[in-house]
PDB file of N, CA and C in Angstrom:
ATOM      1  N   UNK A   1       6.396 -16.242  -9.765  1.00  0.00           N
ATOM      2  CA  UNK A   1       6.829 -14.858  -9.723  1.00  0.00           C
ATOM      3  C   UNK A   1       5.671 -13.994  -9.235  1.00  0.00           C
ATOM      4  N   UNK A   2       5.964 -13.011  -8.375  1.00  0.00           N
ATOM      5  CA  UNK A   2       4.920 -12.117  -7.880  1.00  0.00           C
ATOM      6  C   UNK A   2       4.435 -11.217  -9.005  1.00  0.00           C
ATOM      7  N   UNK A   3       3.152 -10.856  -8.922  1.00  0.00           N
ATOM      8  CA  UNK A   3       2.593  -9.988  -9.951  1.00  0.00           C
ATOM      9  C   UNK A   3       3.318  -8.650  -9.968  1.00  0.00           C
ATOM     10  N   UNK A   4       3.308  -8.029 -11.108  1.00  0.00           N
ATOM     11  CA  UNK A   4       4.032  -6.774 -11.274  1.00  0.00           C
ATOM     12  C   UNK A   4       3.262  -5.623 -10.646  1.00  0.00           C
ATOM     13  N   UNK A   5       3.993  -4.659 -10.160  1.00  0.00           N
ATOM     14  CA  UNK A   5       3.411  -3.471  -9.575  1.00  0.00           C
ATOM     15  C   UNK A   5       4.531  -2.524  -9.218  1.00  0.00           C
ATOM     16  N   UNK A   6       4.181  -1.433  -8.569  1.00  0.00           N
ATOM     17  CA  UNK A   6       5.170  -0.437  -8.173  1.00  0.00           C
ATOM     18  C   UNK A   6       5.989  -0.932  -6.994  1.00  0.00           C
ATOM     19  N   UNK A   7       5.322  -1.586  -6.044  1.00  0.00           N
ATOM     20  CA  UNK A   7       5.995  -2.023  -4.822  1.00  0.00           C
ATOM     21  C   UNK A   7       5.205  -3.180  -4.228  1.00  0.00           C
ATOM     22  N   UNK A   8       5.891  -4.163  -3.715  1.00  0.00           N
ATOM     23  CA  UNK A   8       5.257  -5.278  -3.013  1.00  0.00           C
ATOM     24  C   UNK A   8       5.847  -5.349  -1.612  1.00  0.00           C
ATOM     25  N   UNK A   9       4.978  -5.425  -0.612  1.00  0.00           N
ATOM     26  CA  UNK A   9       5.431  -5.477   0.765  1.00  0.00           C
ATOM     27  C   UNK A   9       4.279  -5.814   1.705  1.00  0.00           C
ATOM     28  N   UNK A  10       4.518  -5.619   2.989  1.00  0.00           N
ATOM     29  CA  UNK A  10       3.567  -5.988   4.034  1.00  0.00           C
ATOM     30  C   UNK A  10       2.902  -4.737   4.601  1.00  0.00           C
ATOM     31  N   UNK A  11       1.589  -4.830   4.834  1.00  0.00           N
ATOM     32  CA  UNK A  11       0.857  -3.720   5.457  1.00  0.00           C
ATOM     33  C   UNK A  11       1.296  -3.605   6.911  1.00  0.00           C
ATOM     34  N   UNK A  12       1.643  -2.376   7.305  1.00  0.00           N
ATOM     35  CA  UNK A  12       1.995  -2.092   8.694  1.00  0.00           C
ATOM     36  C   UNK A  12       1.159  -0.913   9.173  1.00  0.00           C
ATOM     37  N   UNK A  13       1.174  -0.669  10.486  1.00  0.00           N
ATOM     38  CA  UNK A  13       0.413   0.434  11.080  1.00  0.00           C
ATOM     39  C   UNK A  13       1.338   1.195  12.012  1.00  0.00           C
ATOM     40  N   UNK A  14       1.364   2.533  11.886  1.00  0.00           N
ATOM     41  CA  UNK A  14       2.255   3.318  12.734  1.00  0.00           C
ATOM     42  C   UNK A  14       1.556   3.813  13.995  1.00  0.00           C
ATOM     43  N   UNK A  15       2.278   4.574  14.801  1.00  0.00           N
ATOM     44  CA  UNK A  15       1.765   5.051  16.089  1.00  0.00           C
ATOM     45  C   UNK A  15       0.589   6.016  15.941  1.00  0.00           C
ATOM     46  N   UNK A  16       0.389   6.572  14.740  1.00  0.00           N
ATOM     47  CA  UNK A  16      -0.734   7.479  14.481  1.00  0.00           C
ATOM     48  C   UNK A  16      -1.892   6.783  13.777  1.00  0.00           C
ATOM     49  N   UNK A  17      -1.889   5.469  13.783  1.00  0.00           N
ATOM     50  CA  UNK A  17      -2.914   4.643  13.143  1.00  0.00           C
ATOM     51  C   UNK A  17      -2.958   4.790  11.625  1.00  0.00           C
ATOM     52  N   UNK A  18      -1.847   5.203  11.018  1.00  0.00           N
ATOM     53  CA  UNK A  18      -1.745   5.231   9.566  1.00  0.00           C
ATOM     54  C   UNK A  18      -1.318   3.855   9.082  1.00  0.00           C
ATOM     55  N   UNK A  19      -1.958   3.376   8.031  1.00  0.00           N
ATOM     56  CA  UNK A  19      -1.521   2.131   7.398  1.00  0.00           C
ATOM     57  C   UNK A  19      -0.513   2.483   6.318  1.00  0.00           C
ATOM     58  N   UNK A  20       0.577   1.711   6.249  1.00  0.00           N
ATOM     59  CA  UNK A  20       1.594   1.990   5.247  1.00  0.00           C
ATOM     60  C   UNK A  20       2.238   0.698   4.795  1.00  0.00           C
ATOM     61  N   UNK A  21       2.916   0.799   3.655  1.00  0.00           N
ATOM     62  CA  UNK A  21       3.667  -0.319   3.099  1.00  0.00           C
ATOM     63  C   UNK A  21       4.935   0.282   2.524  1.00  0.00           C
ATOM     64  N   UNK A  22       6.069  -0.028   3.154  1.00  0.00           N
ATOM     65  CA  UNK A  22       7.316   0.628   2.751  1.00  0.00           C
ATOM     66  C   UNK A  22       7.203   2.118   3.013  1.00  0.00           C
ATOM     67  N   UNK A  23       7.496   2.923   2.022  1.00  0.00           N
ATOM     68  CA  UNK A  23       7.417   4.382   2.173  1.00  0.00           C
ATOM     69  C   UNK A  23       6.060   4.946   1.775  1.00  0.00           C
ATOM     70  N   UNK A  24       5.109   4.077   1.424  1.00  0.00           N
ATOM     71  CA  UNK A  24       3.824   4.523   0.883  1.00  0.00           C
ATOM     72  C   UNK A  24       2.700   4.454   1.905  1.00  0.00           C
ATOM     73  N   UNK A  25       1.982   5.566   2.062  1.00  0.00           N
ATOM     74  CA  UNK A  25       0.783   5.604   2.883  1.00  0.00           C
ATOM     75  C   UNK A  25      -0.316   4.875   2.127  1.00  0.00           C
ATOM     76  N   UNK A  26      -1.104   4.084   2.827  1.00  0.00           N
ATOM     77  CA  UNK A  26      -2.205   3.356   2.191  1.00  0.00           C
ATOM     78  C   UNK A  26      -3.528   3.986   2.578  1.00  0.00           C
ATOM     79  N   UNK A  27      -4.475   3.961   1.662  1.00  0.00           N
ATOM     80  CA  UNK A  27      -5.803   4.506   1.927  1.00  0.00           C
ATOM     81  C   UNK A  27      -6.457   3.739   3.085  1.00  0.00           C
ATOM     82  N   UNK A  28      -6.820   4.469   4.134  1.00  0.00           N
ATOM     83  CA  UNK A  28      -7.346   3.870   5.361  1.00  0.00           C
ATOM     84  C   UNK A  28      -8.589   3.032   5.096  1.00  0.00           C
ATOM     85  N   UNK A  29      -9.550   3.590   4.336  1.00  0.00           N
ATOM     86  CA  UNK A  29     -10.806   2.885   4.077  1.00  0.00           C
ATOM     87  C   UNK A  29     -10.583   1.598   3.281  1.00  0.00           C
ATOM     88  N   UNK A  30      -9.643   1.629   2.337  1.00  0.00           N
ATOM     89  CA  UNK A  30      -9.349   0.431   1.537  1.00  0.00           C
ATOM     90  C   UNK A  30      -8.762  -0.674   2.414  1.00  0.00           C
ATOM     91  N   UNK A  31      -7.858  -0.298   3.318  1.00  0.00           N
ATOM     92  CA  UNK A  31      -7.268  -1.309   4.204  1.00  0.00           C
ATOM     93  C   UNK A  31      -8.349  -1.899   5.104  1.00  0.00           C
ATOM     94  N   UNK A  32      -9.170  -1.055   5.693  1.00  0.00           N
ATOM     95  CA  UNK A  32     -10.198  -1.538   6.618  1.00  0.00           C
ATOM     96  C   UNK A  32     -11.219  -2.439   5.914  1.00  0.00           C
ATOM     97  N   UNK A  33     -11.499  -2.181   4.648  1.00  0.00           N
ATOM     98  CA  UNK A  33     -12.507  -2.945   3.916  1.00  0.00           C
ATOM     99  C   UNK A  33     -12.012  -4.312   3.465  1.00  0.00           C
ATOM    100  N   UNK A  34     -10.734  -4.407   3.078  1.00  0.00           N
ATOM    101  CA  UNK A  34     -10.286  -5.629   2.410  1.00  0.00           C
ATOM    102  C   UNK A  34      -9.062  -6.303   3.014  1.00  0.00           C
ATOM    103  N   UNK A  35      -8.369  -5.642   3.942  1.00  0.00           N
ATOM    104  CA  UNK A  35      -7.067  -6.142   4.365  1.00  0.00           C
ATOM    105  C   UNK A  35      -6.895  -6.095   5.879  1.00  0.00           C
ATOM    106  N   UNK A  36      -5.801  -6.687   6.332  1.00  0.00           N
ATOM    107  CA  UNK A  36      -5.402  -6.604   7.733  1.00  0.00           C
ATOM    108  C   UNK A  36      -3.898  -6.345   7.783  1.00  0.00           C
ATOM    109  N   UNK A  37      -3.437  -5.829   8.924  1.00  0.00           N
ATOM    110  CA  UNK A  37      -2.010  -5.628   9.124  1.00  0.00           C
ATOM    111  C   UNK A  37      -1.316  -6.982   8.947  1.00  0.00           C
ATOM    112  N   UNK A  38      -0.246  -6.988   8.195  1.00  0.00           N
ATOM    113  CA  UNK A  38       0.487  -8.214   7.938  1.00  0.00           C
ATOM    114  C   UNK A  38       0.226  -8.803   6.563  1.00  0.00           C
ATOM    115  N   UNK A  39      -0.830  -8.336   5.879  1.00  0.00           N
ATOM    116  CA  UNK A  39      -1.095  -8.814   4.520  1.00  0.00           C
ATOM    117  C   UNK A  39       0.040  -8.399   3.589  1.00  0.00           C
ATOM    118  N   UNK A  40       0.420  -9.293   2.695  1.00  0.00           N
ATOM    119  CA  UNK A  40       1.383  -8.977   1.632  1.00  0.00           C
ATOM    120  C   UNK A  40       0.577  -8.394   0.479  1.00  0.00           C
ATOM    121  N   UNK A  41       0.934  -7.177   0.067  1.00  0.00           N
ATOM    122  CA  UNK A  41       0.191  -6.506  -1.001  1.00  0.00           C
ATOM    123  C   UNK A  41       1.128  -6.048  -2.113  1.00  0.00           C
ATOM    124  N   UNK A  42       0.534  -5.765  -3.256  1.00  0.00           N
ATOM    125  CA  UNK A  42       1.232  -5.134  -4.365  1.00  0.00           C
ATOM    126  C   UNK A  42       0.539  -3.814  -4.653  1.00  0.00           C
ATOM    127  N   UNK A  43       1.315  -2.736  -4.624  1.00  0.00           N
ATOM    128  CA  UNK A  43       0.802  -1.403  -4.924  1.00  0.00           C
ATOM    129  C   UNK A  43       0.799  -1.217  -6.433  1.00  0.00           C
ATOM    130  N   UNK A  44      -0.350  -0.823  -6.973  1.00  0.00           N
ATOM    131  CA  UNK A  44      -0.523  -0.681  -8.421  1.00  0.00           C
ATOM    132  C   UNK A  44      -0.239   0.740  -8.915  1.00  0.00           C
ATOM    133  N   UNK A  45      -0.589   1.738  -8.105  1.00  0.00           N
ATOM    134  CA  UNK A  45      -0.341   3.126  -8.511  1.00  0.00           C
ATOM    135  C   UNK A  45      -0.181   3.993  -7.268  1.00  0.00           C
ATOM    136  N   UNK A  46       0.489   5.132  -7.448  1.00  0.00           N
ATOM    137  CA  UNK A  46       0.694   6.056  -6.335  1.00  0.00           C
ATOM    138  C   UNK A  46       0.361   7.471  -6.782  1.00  0.00           C
ATOM    139  N   UNK A  47       0.026   8.305  -5.802  1.00  0.00           N
ATOM    140  CA  UNK A  47      -0.219   9.727  -6.018  1.00  0.00           C
ATOM    141  C   UNK A  47       0.544  10.493  -4.941  1.00  0.00           C
ATOM    142  N   UNK A  48       0.620  11.798  -5.090  1.00  0.00           N
ATOM    143  CA  UNK A  48       1.170  12.625  -4.028  1.00  0.00           C
ATOM    144  C   UNK A  48       0.151  12.643  -2.895  1.00  0.00           C
ATOM    145  N   UNK A  49       0.617  12.478  -1.672  1.00  0.00           N
ATOM    146  CA  UNK A  49      -0.269  12.462  -0.509  1.00  0.00           C
ATOM    147  C   UNK A  49      -0.899  13.838  -0.331  1.00  0.00           C
ATOM    148  N   UNK A  50      -2.236  13.941  -0.407  1.00  0.00           N
ATOM    149  CA  UNK A  50      -2.893  15.244  -0.272  1.00  0.00           C
ATOM    150  C   UNK A  50      -3.041  15.732   1.171  1.00  0.00           C
ATOM    151  N   UNK A  51      -2.702  14.887   2.153  1.00  0.00           N
ATOM    152  CA  UNK A  51      -2.899  15.250   3.557  1.00  0.00           C
ATOM    153  C   UNK A  51      -1.723  16.051   4.113  1.00  0.00           C
ATOM    154  N   UNK A  52      -2.023  17.225   4.649  1.00  0.00           N
ATOM    155  CA  UNK A  52      -0.984  18.028   5.296  1.00  0.00           C
ATOM    156  C   UNK A  52      -0.461  17.347   6.555  1.00  0.00           C
ATOM    157  N   UNK A  53      -1.295  16.561   7.202  1.00  0.00           N
ATOM    158  CA  UNK A  53      -0.931  15.922   8.469  1.00  0.00           C
ATOM    159  C   UNK A  53       0.152  14.860   8.280  1.00  0.00           C
ATOM    160  N   UNK A  54       0.005  14.015   7.267  1.00  0.00           N
ATOM    161  CA  UNK A  54       0.931  12.894   7.111  1.00  0.00           C
ATOM    162  C   UNK A  54       1.916  13.050   5.955  1.00  0.00           C
ATOM    163  N   UNK A  55       1.874  14.168   5.240  1.00  0.00           N
ATOM    164  CA  UNK A  55       2.725  14.344   4.058  1.00  0.00           C
ATOM    165  C   UNK A  55       4.211  14.246   4.368  1.00  0.00           C
ATOM    166  N   UNK A  56       4.640  14.839   5.488  1.00  0.00           N
ATOM    167  CA  UNK A  56       6.076  14.807   5.822  1.00  0.00           C
ATOM    168  C   UNK A  56       6.601  13.383   5.957  1.00  0.00           C
ATOM    169  N   UNK A  57       5.836  12.537   6.608  1.00  0.00           N
ATOM    170  CA  UNK A  57       6.269  11.156   6.841  1.00  0.00           C
ATOM    171  C   UNK A  57       6.021  10.275   5.611  1.00  0.00           C
ATOM    172  N   UNK A  58       4.911  10.536   4.912  1.00  0.00           N
ATOM    173  CA  UNK A  58       4.529   9.732   3.739  1.00  0.00           C
ATOM    174  C   UNK A  58       4.172  10.659   2.572  1.00  0.00           C
ATOM    175  N   UNK A  59       5.143  11.081   1.782  1.00  0.00           N
ATOM    176  CA  UNK A  59       4.838  11.979   0.667  1.00  0.00           C
ATOM    177  C   UNK A  59       4.068  11.310  -0.478  1.00  0.00           C
ATOM    178  N   UNK A  60       4.046   9.965  -0.490  1.00  0.00           N
ATOM    179  CA  UNK A  60       3.338   9.245  -1.544  1.00  0.00           C
ATOM    180  C   UNK A  60       2.264   8.359  -0.931  1.00  0.00           C
ATOM    181  N   UNK A  61       1.124   8.277  -1.637  1.00  0.00           N
ATOM    182  CA  UNK A  61      -0.025   7.520  -1.134  1.00  0.00           C
ATOM    183  C   UNK A  61      -0.562   6.612  -2.239  1.00  0.00           C
ATOM    184  N   UNK A  62      -1.166   5.502  -1.830  1.00  0.00           N
ATOM    185  CA  UNK A  62      -1.780   4.599  -2.799  1.00  0.00           C
ATOM    186  C   UNK A  62      -3.210   4.271  -2.394  1.00  0.00           C
ATOM    187  N   UNK A  63      -4.110   4.325  -3.380  1.00  0.00           N
ATOM    188  CA  UNK A  63      -5.475   3.833  -3.224  1.00  0.00           C
ATOM    189  C   UNK A  63      -5.661   2.554  -4.027  1.00  0.00           C
ATOM    190  N   UNK A  64      -4.724   2.281  -4.925  1.00  0.00           N
ATOM    191  CA  UNK A  64      -4.826   1.100  -5.785  1.00  0.00           C
ATOM    192  C   UNK A  64      -3.775   0.077  -5.370  1.00  0.00           C
ATOM    193  N   UNK A  65      -4.216  -0.892  -4.576  1.00  0.00           N
ATOM    194  CA  UNK A  65      -3.350  -1.987  -4.152  1.00  0.00           C
ATOM    195  C   UNK A  65      -4.214  -3.196  -3.874  1.00  0.00           C
ATOM    196  N   UNK A  66      -3.612  -4.353  -3.936  1.00  0.00           N
ATOM    197  CA  UNK A  66      -4.358  -5.584  -3.694  1.00  0.00           C
ATOM    198  C   UNK A  66      -3.415  -6.629  -3.118  1.00  0.00           C
ATOM    199  N   UNK A  67      -3.992  -7.713  -2.627  1.00  0.00           N
ATOM    200  CA  UNK A  67      -3.157  -8.778  -2.086  1.00  0.00           C
ATOM    201  C   UNK A  67      -2.207  -9.279  -3.150  1.00  0.00           C
ATOM    202  N   UNK A  68      -0.968  -9.450  -2.765  1.00  0.00           N
ATOM    203  CA  UNK A  68       0.033  -9.974  -3.691  1.00  0.00           C
ATOM    204  C   UNK A  68      -0.242 -11.459  -3.879  1.00  0.00           C
ATOM    205  N   UNK A  69      -0.056 -11.918  -5.100  1.00  0.00           N
ATOM    206  CA  UNK A  69      -0.214 -13.345  -5.336  1.00  0.00           C
ATOM    207  C   UNK A  69       0.716 -13.780  -6.446  1.00  0.00           C
ATOM    208  N   UNK A  70       0.908 -15.049  -6.522  1.00  0.00           N
ATOM    209  CA  UNK A  70       1.770 -15.599  -7.560  1.00  0.00           C
ATOM    210  C   UNK A  70       0.964 -15.804  -8.826  1.00  0.00           C
ATOM    211  N   UNK A  71       1.410 -15.193  -9.900  1.00  0.00           N
ATOM    212  CA  UNK A  71       0.767 -15.343 -11.194  1.00  0.00           C
ATOM    213  C   UNK A  71       1.831 -15.665 -12.216  1.00  0.00           C
ATOM    214  N   UNK A  72       1.486 -16.463 -13.205  1.00  0.00           N
ATOM    215  CA  UNK A  72       2.475 -16.724 -14.246  1.00  0.00           C
ATOM    216  C   UNK A  72       2.771 -15.467 -15.048  1.00  0.00           C
ATOM    217  N   UNK A  73       4.002 -15.347 -15.480  1.00  0.00           N
ATOM    218  CA  UNK A  73       4.370 -14.193 -16.302  1.00  0.00           C
ATOM    219  C   UNK A  73       3.699 -14.315 -17.647  1.00  0.00           C
ATOM    220  N   UNK A  74       3.213 -13.188 -18.150  1.00  0.00           N
ATOM    221  CA  UNK A  74       2.610 -13.179 -19.466  1.00  0.00           C
ATOM    222  C   UNK A  74       3.677 -12.849 -20.497  1.00  0.00           C
ATOM    223  N   UNK A  75       3.683 -13.590 -21.571  1.00  0.00           N
ATOM    224  CA  UNK A  75       4.719 -13.337 -22.578  1.00  0.00           C
ATOM    225  C   UNK A  75       4.181 -12.553 -23.755  1.00  0.00           C
TER     226      UNK A  75
END
């Protein structure tokens, strides 16, 4: 079973060089440091997107996400 989180999906990049996963904008520096387009990630938390430029397209943003992996469920 995939680890729990808000959303699990694949990192994509739009025509404006924004990294996103589903409807969530991803922190650019975090993606560049640890990930590549196509990585399967799990988003751990979201905030309201503070950027006026990308808010219309991505009203929610995440800085807390990591590669998705299979972990046993904790009981």
